[in-house]
Amino acid sequence: MADAPYDPDQDPEERRVVRKGYRTLAKNVEEHQSNLQDYSAQQLTDQVKKADELFNKVKGPQEATLDSAFLLMASNMGAQKARAMKSGSGSFDIDDFVSRLVTFMGGAKQLDVDDESDGEDVDVGGGPLEWDRIGRKALAKSRRVPAMGFMLGPLSIEQKKRNVTKRAKFEKDKADERKPQEIKEEDIARSENETTKNVATLETLLGEEDGPINLFKFVINPNDFAQSVENIFYLSFLIRDGKVALETQDNGEVVIFICQQPDDNDYISGLKKRQIVLEFDMATWERAKEVFEITESKIPQRPAARMRLGNKWYG
């Protein structure tokens, strides 16, 4: 906290000096952000101390904002320098550490190779290790009771090896891969011809009717729900082309009938195309059969459709 409280009537010249000081500190830190090696931790500490001195003269919000911005910049730079620090140029030598630790606790080990020892380590210290001594050393650094759980992993770390077996197996079994079935032009043409034929059949049957006929009585096949859906699909082409009209009568009954196909002049005169969405599920199919007492299909049963994809036929 600053020694002086907020003062809106602070001397303008004093405010300019404080602002100039903060800008100088910020500029100095910014110049060394790209090259941290040339900027020591002591230099950064000195800059923070100068900022503390300037803060004693801060009496307005603008100067306090400059102080916060500089502290944030200095904190980020300190964090970068901490990440760049290295604890040692070489790897940690476990054997050397254990040897120094044993020596410090009053023990000594040496390798005495003769006929009796068979190359084993022989303790020539003559007594137990002084664990209290290393305990007192550790106590000077931390008062927390040491435990094995504080160790960051084992002393000897095995390097993980990348498992390439799975990829090698995949390349080995590459011959077993299967390509998706290709749809050829003749397959698409066959499907289009089938649709055209069925649409023409519906047009002929509807032309044989004496006047309008109930939509459901015409399209529903009481023995096959799937073909009933197909009949509605084929009928939609006739209605789209204007060869068949769909009309709702005064009593709410929906009927269809053959009509004269309109030409371009009719559309110029004001005739508009309209689209409707017809919901037709199995429940509607069952209900229509019951309400309109449909027992026979107006449209003959078609054989099960088969479609070829590639070299295979699907029914």
Protein backbone atom coordinates (compact mmCIF):
# COMPACT_ATOMS: atom_id res chain seq x y z
CA MET A 1 0.00 0.00 0.00
CA ALA A 2 1.15 3.55 -0.67
CA ASP A 3 1.94 5.81 2.26
CA ALA A 4 -0.18 8.68 0.84
CA PRO A 5 -3.94 8.32 0.28
CA TYR A 6 -5.78 9.18 -2.93
CA ASP A 7 -5.21 12.82 -3.81
CA PRO A 8 -7.01 14.23 -6.86
CA ASP A 9 -5.14 17.54 -6.38
CA GLN A 10 -1.66 16.00 -6.55
CA ASP A 11 1.00 18.21 -8.09
CA PRO A 12 0.89 17.62 -11.90
CA GLU A 13 4.67 17.73 -12.11
CA GLU A 14 4.95 14.98 -9.48
CA ARG A 15 2.46 12.84 -11.40
CA ARG A 16 4.49 13.27 -14.60
CA VAL A 17 7.66 12.17 -12.82
CA VAL A 18 5.96 9.04 -11.47
CA ARG A 19 4.52 8.14 -14.87
CA LYS A 20 7.86 8.71 -16.57
CA GLY A 21 9.54 6.46 -14.03
CA TYR A 22 7.11 3.59 -14.60
CA ARG A 23 7.41 3.91 -18.39
CA THR A 24 11.20 3.79 -18.12
CA LEU A 25 11.05 0.62 -15.99
CA ALA A 26 8.57 -1.03 -18.36
CA LYS A 27 10.68 -0.15 -21.40
CA ASN A 28 13.78 -1.60 -19.75
CA VAL A 29 12.02 -4.91 -19.06
CA GLU A 30 10.47 -5.09 -22.54
CA GLU A 31 13.87 -4.67 -24.20
CA HIS A 32 15.21 -7.76 -22.43
CA GLN A 33 12.19 -10.06 -22.82
CA SER A 34 13.53 -11.50 -26.08
CA ASN A 35 16.96 -12.18 -24.57
CA LEU A 36 16.67 -13.37 -20.98
CA GLN A 37 20.32 -14.47 -20.72
CA ASP A 38 21.57 -10.87 -20.77
CA TYR A 39 19.21 -9.85 -17.97
CA SER A 40 20.09 -11.25 -14.57
CA ALA A 41 17.76 -11.90 -11.68
CA GLN A 42 19.48 -9.17 -9.66
CA GLN A 43 18.74 -6.62 -12.37
CA LEU A 44 15.07 -7.61 -12.31
CA THR A 45 15.06 -7.32 -8.52
CA ASP A 46 16.55 -3.83 -8.73
CA GLN A 47 13.81 -2.77 -11.14
CA VAL A 48 11.12 -4.04 -8.76
CA LYS A 49 12.72 -2.09 -5.87
CA LYS A 50 12.64 1.09 -7.95
CA ALA A 51 8.96 0.42 -8.65
CA ASP A 52 8.36 0.15 -4.89
CA GLU A 53 9.96 3.55 -4.40
CA LEU A 54 7.75 5.07 -7.11
CA PHE A 55 4.66 3.50 -5.57
CA ASN A 56 5.16 5.60 -2.44
CA LYS A 57 4.35 8.63 -4.59
CA VAL A 58 1.30 7.11 -6.28
CA LYS A 59 -1.88 9.03 -5.37
CA GLY A 60 -4.07 8.49 -8.44
CA PRO A 61 -5.67 5.56 -10.28
CA GLN A 62 -3.74 6.10 -13.52
CA GLU A 63 -0.38 5.82 -11.79
CA ALA A 64 -1.63 2.76 -9.86
CA THR A 65 -2.57 1.15 -13.19
CA LEU A 66 0.99 1.72 -14.47
CA ASP A 67 2.34 0.09 -11.31
CA SER A 68 0.10 -2.98 -11.77
CA ALA A 69 1.08 -3.32 -15.42
CA PHE A 70 4.78 -3.20 -14.56
CA LEU A 71 4.43 -5.77 -11.76
CA LEU A 72 2.60 -8.12 -14.12
CA MET A 73 5.33 -7.71 -16.73
CA ALA A 74 8.07 -8.33 -14.14
CA SER A 75 6.25 -11.41 -12.81
CA ASN A 76 5.98 -12.90 -16.29
CA MET A 77 9.65 -12.26 -16.94
CA GLY A 78 10.59 -13.87 -13.62
CA ALA A 79 8.51 -16.92 -14.50
CA GLN A 80 10.26 -17.19 -17.87
CA LYS A 81 13.66 -17.03 -16.23
CA ALA A 82 12.62 -19.69 -13.71
CA ARG A 83 11.53 -22.03 -16.51
CA ALA A 84 14.82 -21.43 -18.31
CA MET A 85 16.92 -22.34 -15.27
CA LYS A 86 18.76 -25.65 -15.25
CA SER A 87 19.61 -27.54 -12.10
CA GLY A 88 22.78 -29.00 -13.59
CA SER A 89 24.62 -29.45 -16.83
CA GLY A 90 24.86 -33.24 -16.51
CA SER A 91 22.60 -36.09 -15.50
CA PHE A 92 22.10 -37.10 -11.86
CA ASP A 93 24.69 -39.70 -10.78
CA ILE A 94 22.92 -42.06 -8.39
CA ASP A 95 26.03 -44.01 -7.39
CA ASP A 96 27.96 -40.84 -6.57
CA PHE A 97 25.05 -39.49 -4.51
CA VAL A 98 24.75 -42.71 -2.45
CA SER A 99 28.51 -42.83 -1.92
CA ARG A 100 28.62 -39.24 -0.63
CA LEU A 101 25.57 -39.89 1.56
CA VAL A 102 27.16 -42.96 3.17
CA THR A 103 30.43 -41.10 3.75
CA PHE A 104 28.59 -38.19 5.37
CA MET A 105 26.85 -40.59 7.79
CA GLY A 106 30.19 -42.03 8.97
CA GLY A 107 30.38 -45.07 6.74
CA ALA A 108 32.74 -46.05 3.94
CA LYS A 109 32.42 -48.66 1.26
CA GLN A 110 35.07 -49.85 -1.06
CA LEU A 111 35.40 -52.69 -3.48
CA ASP A 112 37.79 -55.30 -2.11
CA VAL A 113 38.20 -58.04 -4.67
CA ASP A 114 39.93 -61.15 -3.34
CA ASP A 115 39.29 -64.83 -3.00
CA GLU A 116 37.18 -64.47 0.14
CA SER A 117 34.90 -61.64 -0.91
CA ASP A 118 34.12 -62.98 -4.42
CA GLY A 119 33.87 -59.44 -5.77
CA GLU A 120 31.16 -58.27 -3.33
CA ASP A 121 31.08 -54.85 -1.61
CA VAL A 122 32.71 -54.99 1.82
CA ASP A 123 31.78 -52.45 4.49
CA VAL A 124 35.02 -51.32 6.15
CA GLY A 125 33.37 -48.55 8.19
CA GLY A 126 33.11 -50.77 11.21
CA GLY A 127 29.75 -49.55 12.55
CA PRO A 128 26.16 -48.54 11.75
CA LEU A 129 25.44 -45.38 9.79
CA GLU A 130 24.61 -42.19 11.68
CA TRP A 131 21.14 -41.49 10.33
CA ASP A 132 20.62 -38.83 12.99
CA ARG A 133 23.30 -36.73 11.32
CA ILE A 134 21.54 -36.59 7.96
CA GLY A 135 18.29 -36.04 9.86
CA ARG A 136 19.64 -32.92 11.53
CA LYS A 137 20.81 -31.64 8.14
CA ALA A 138 17.36 -32.18 6.66
CA LEU A 139 15.71 -30.55 9.67
CA ALA A 140 17.58 -27.32 8.94
CA LYS A 141 15.87 -27.15 5.54
CA SER A 142 12.38 -28.31 6.43
CA ARG A 143 10.45 -29.15 9.60
CA ARG A 144 8.10 -31.46 7.75
CA VAL A 145 8.56 -35.15 8.49
CA PRO A 146 10.18 -36.73 5.40
CA ALA A 147 8.51 -39.74 3.87
CA MET A 148 9.07 -41.98 0.86
CA GLY A 149 5.87 -40.68 -0.68
CA PHE A 150 7.52 -37.33 -1.34
CA MET A 151 9.91 -38.84 -3.88
CA LEU A 152 9.17 -37.82 -7.46
CA GLY A 153 9.43 -41.27 -8.98
CA PRO A 154 12.10 -43.96 -8.69
CA LEU A 155 15.82 -43.26 -8.75
CA SER A 156 16.28 -45.38 -11.86
CA ILE A 157 13.93 -44.46 -14.68
CA GLU A 158 13.47 -46.73 -17.68
CA GLN A 159 13.00 -44.96 -20.96
CA LYS A 160 9.71 -45.77 -22.62
CA LYS A 161 9.94 -47.35 -26.03
CA ARG A 162 7.47 -46.62 -28.77
CA ASN A 163 5.28 -49.56 -29.63
CA VAL A 164 5.32 -50.05 -33.39
CA THR A 165 3.88 -53.56 -33.42
CA LYS A 166 0.34 -52.43 -34.19
CA ARG A 167 1.38 -50.37 -37.20
CA ALA A 168 3.58 -53.14 -38.52
CA LYS A 169 0.71 -55.61 -38.21
CA PHE A 170 -1.59 -53.25 -40.10
CA GLU A 171 0.89 -52.97 -42.95
CA LYS A 172 1.32 -56.73 -42.95
CA ASP A 173 -2.45 -57.30 -43.28
CA LYS A 174 -2.90 -54.57 -45.86
CA ALA A 175 -3.82 -57.18 -48.47
CA ASP A 176 -6.97 -58.01 -46.46
CA GLU A 177 -8.40 -54.51 -46.88
CA ARG A 178 -11.67 -54.23 -48.79
CA LYS A 179 -12.80 -51.38 -50.98
CA PRO A 180 -16.40 -50.11 -50.84
CA GLN A 181 -18.74 -51.26 -53.56
CA GLU A 182 -18.78 -48.92 -56.56
CA ILE A 183 -22.08 -47.73 -58.03
CA LYS A 184 -21.83 -47.62 -61.80
CA GLU A 185 -23.85 -45.51 -64.21
CA GLU A 186 -25.88 -48.50 -65.39
CA ASP A 187 -26.99 -49.15 -61.80
CA ILE A 188 -28.32 -45.59 -61.46
CA ALA A 189 -29.96 -45.78 -64.91
CA ARG A 190 -31.69 -49.05 -63.95
CA SER A 191 -33.15 -47.43 -60.83
CA GLU A 192 -34.39 -44.44 -62.82
CA ASN A 193 -36.01 -46.69 -65.43
CA GLU A 194 -37.78 -48.65 -62.69
CA THR A 195 -39.23 -45.44 -61.24
CA THR A 196 -40.36 -44.19 -64.66
CA LYS A 197 -42.13 -47.48 -65.39
CA ASN A 198 -43.98 -47.50 -62.06
CA VAL A 199 -45.05 -43.85 -62.45
CA ALA A 200 -46.48 -44.64 -65.88
CA THR A 201 -48.37 -47.62 -64.42
CA LEU A 202 -50.03 -45.41 -61.78
CA GLU A 203 -51.00 -42.86 -64.45
CA THR A 204 -52.67 -45.55 -66.56
CA LEU A 205 -54.57 -47.02 -63.59
CA LEU A 206 -55.74 -43.60 -62.44
CA GLY A 207 -56.94 -42.79 -65.99
CA GLU A 208 -59.19 -45.85 -65.91
CA GLU A 209 -61.07 -44.54 -62.87
CA ASP A 210 -64.47 -42.88 -63.35
CA GLY A 211 -63.84 -39.53 -61.75
CA PRO A 212 -62.06 -38.65 -58.50
CA ILE A 213 -60.96 -41.43 -56.15
CA ASN A 214 -60.02 -41.36 -52.50
CA LEU A 215 -56.26 -40.91 -52.11
CA PHE A 216 -55.85 -43.72 -49.57
CA LYS A 217 -58.08 -46.16 -51.50
CA PHE A 218 -55.81 -45.71 -54.50
CA VAL A 219 -52.32 -45.83 -53.02
CA ILE A 220 -52.70 -48.21 -50.06
CA ASN A 221 -51.72 -51.83 -50.50
CA PRO A 222 -53.38 -53.57 -47.52
CA ASN A 223 -50.86 -56.40 -47.63
CA ASP A 224 -47.66 -54.38 -47.95
CA PHE A 225 -46.86 -51.18 -46.04
CA ALA A 226 -43.58 -50.63 -47.94
CA GLN A 227 -45.30 -50.69 -51.33
CA SER A 228 -47.94 -48.28 -50.04
CA VAL A 229 -45.15 -45.82 -49.29
CA GLU A 230 -43.70 -46.42 -52.75
CA ASN A 231 -47.09 -45.75 -54.36
CA ILE A 232 -47.26 -42.35 -52.65
CA PHE A 233 -43.74 -41.65 -53.88
CA TYR A 234 -44.62 -42.50 -57.49
CA LEU A 235 -47.87 -40.52 -57.29
CA SER A 236 -45.92 -37.42 -56.20
CA PHE A 237 -44.23 -37.33 -59.64
CA LEU A 238 -47.61 -37.19 -61.40
CA ILE A 239 -48.83 -34.40 -59.13
CA ARG A 240 -45.56 -32.49 -59.58
CA ASP A 241 -45.87 -32.63 -63.39
CA GLY A 242 -49.51 -31.48 -63.22
CA LYS A 243 -50.91 -34.71 -64.69
CA VAL A 244 -52.84 -35.52 -61.51
CA ALA A 245 -54.73 -33.12 -59.26
CA LEU A 246 -55.11 -33.48 -55.50
CA GLU A 247 -58.17 -31.86 -53.96
CA THR A 248 -59.81 -31.68 -50.53
CA GLN A 249 -63.61 -31.84 -50.78
CA ASP A 250 -66.12 -30.09 -48.55
CA ASN A 251 -66.51 -33.15 -46.32
CA GLY A 252 -62.72 -33.26 -45.72
CA GLU A 253 -62.05 -36.23 -47.98
CA VAL A 254 -58.82 -36.04 -50.02
CA VAL A 255 -59.26 -37.20 -53.62
CA ILE A 256 -57.08 -37.42 -56.72
CA PHE A 257 -57.98 -37.45 -60.41
CA ILE A 258 -56.43 -37.11 -63.86
CA CYS A 259 -56.35 -33.54 -65.14
CA GLN A 260 -55.07 -31.60 -68.13
CA GLN A 261 -51.38 -30.83 -67.72
CA PRO A 262 -50.83 -27.04 -67.54
CA ASP A 263 -48.46 -25.29 -69.90
CA ASP A 264 -46.27 -22.21 -69.56
CA ASN A 265 -49.14 -19.82 -70.38
CA ASP A 266 -51.13 -21.11 -67.43
CA TYR A 267 -48.28 -20.30 -65.06
CA ILE A 268 -47.91 -16.86 -66.64
CA SER A 269 -51.62 -16.26 -66.09
CA GLY A 270 -51.22 -16.78 -62.36
CA LEU A 271 -51.21 -20.53 -61.76
CA LYS A 272 -48.86 -21.37 -58.88
CA LYS A 273 -47.23 -24.59 -57.80
CA ARG A 274 -47.85 -25.74 -54.25
CA GLN A 275 -46.12 -28.36 -52.14
CA ILE A 276 -47.47 -30.35 -49.22
CA VAL A 277 -45.85 -32.75 -46.76
CA LEU A 278 -47.82 -35.95 -46.16
CA GLU A 279 -47.13 -37.88 -42.97
CA PHE A 280 -47.64 -41.59 -43.54
CA ASP A 281 -46.51 -44.13 -40.97
CA MET A 282 -47.62 -47.66 -40.15
CA ALA A 283 -50.23 -46.45 -37.67
CA THR A 284 -51.80 -44.24 -40.37
CA TRP A 285 -51.67 -47.16 -42.79
CA GLU A 286 -53.55 -49.44 -40.37
CA ARG A 287 -56.10 -46.72 -39.54
CA ALA A 288 -56.79 -45.95 -43.22
CA LYS A 289 -57.41 -49.63 -43.99
CA GLU A 290 -59.93 -49.74 -41.16
CA VAL A 291 -61.74 -46.46 -41.93
CA PHE A 292 -62.01 -46.89 -45.70
CA GLU A 293 -62.44 -50.70 -45.53
CA ILE A 294 -59.57 -51.37 -47.91
CA THR A 295 -59.18 -55.12 -48.55
CA GLU A 296 -57.70 -55.11 -52.06
CA SER A 297 -55.04 -52.97 -53.68
CA LYS A 298 -55.91 -50.80 -56.67
CA ILE A 299 -52.28 -50.99 -57.75
CA PRO A 300 -51.05 -54.54 -58.47
CA GLN A 301 -48.49 -56.05 -56.13
CA ARG A 302 -45.02 -55.55 -57.52
CA PRO A 303 -42.27 -58.13 -57.08
CA ALA A 304 -39.71 -57.32 -54.41
CA ALA A 305 -37.29 -54.74 -55.73
CA ARG A 306 -33.68 -55.76 -56.18
CA MET A 307 -30.84 -53.30 -56.61
CA ARG A 308 -27.30 -54.09 -57.71
CA LEU A 309 -24.35 -52.37 -56.06
CA GLY A 310 -21.18 -53.26 -57.88
CA ASN A 311 -21.22 -56.98 -58.52
CA LYS A 312 -23.84 -57.87 -55.91
CA TRP A 313 -27.63 -57.73 -55.85
CA TYR A 314 -29.56 -56.54 -52.81
CA GLY A 315 -33.26 -57.27 -52.22
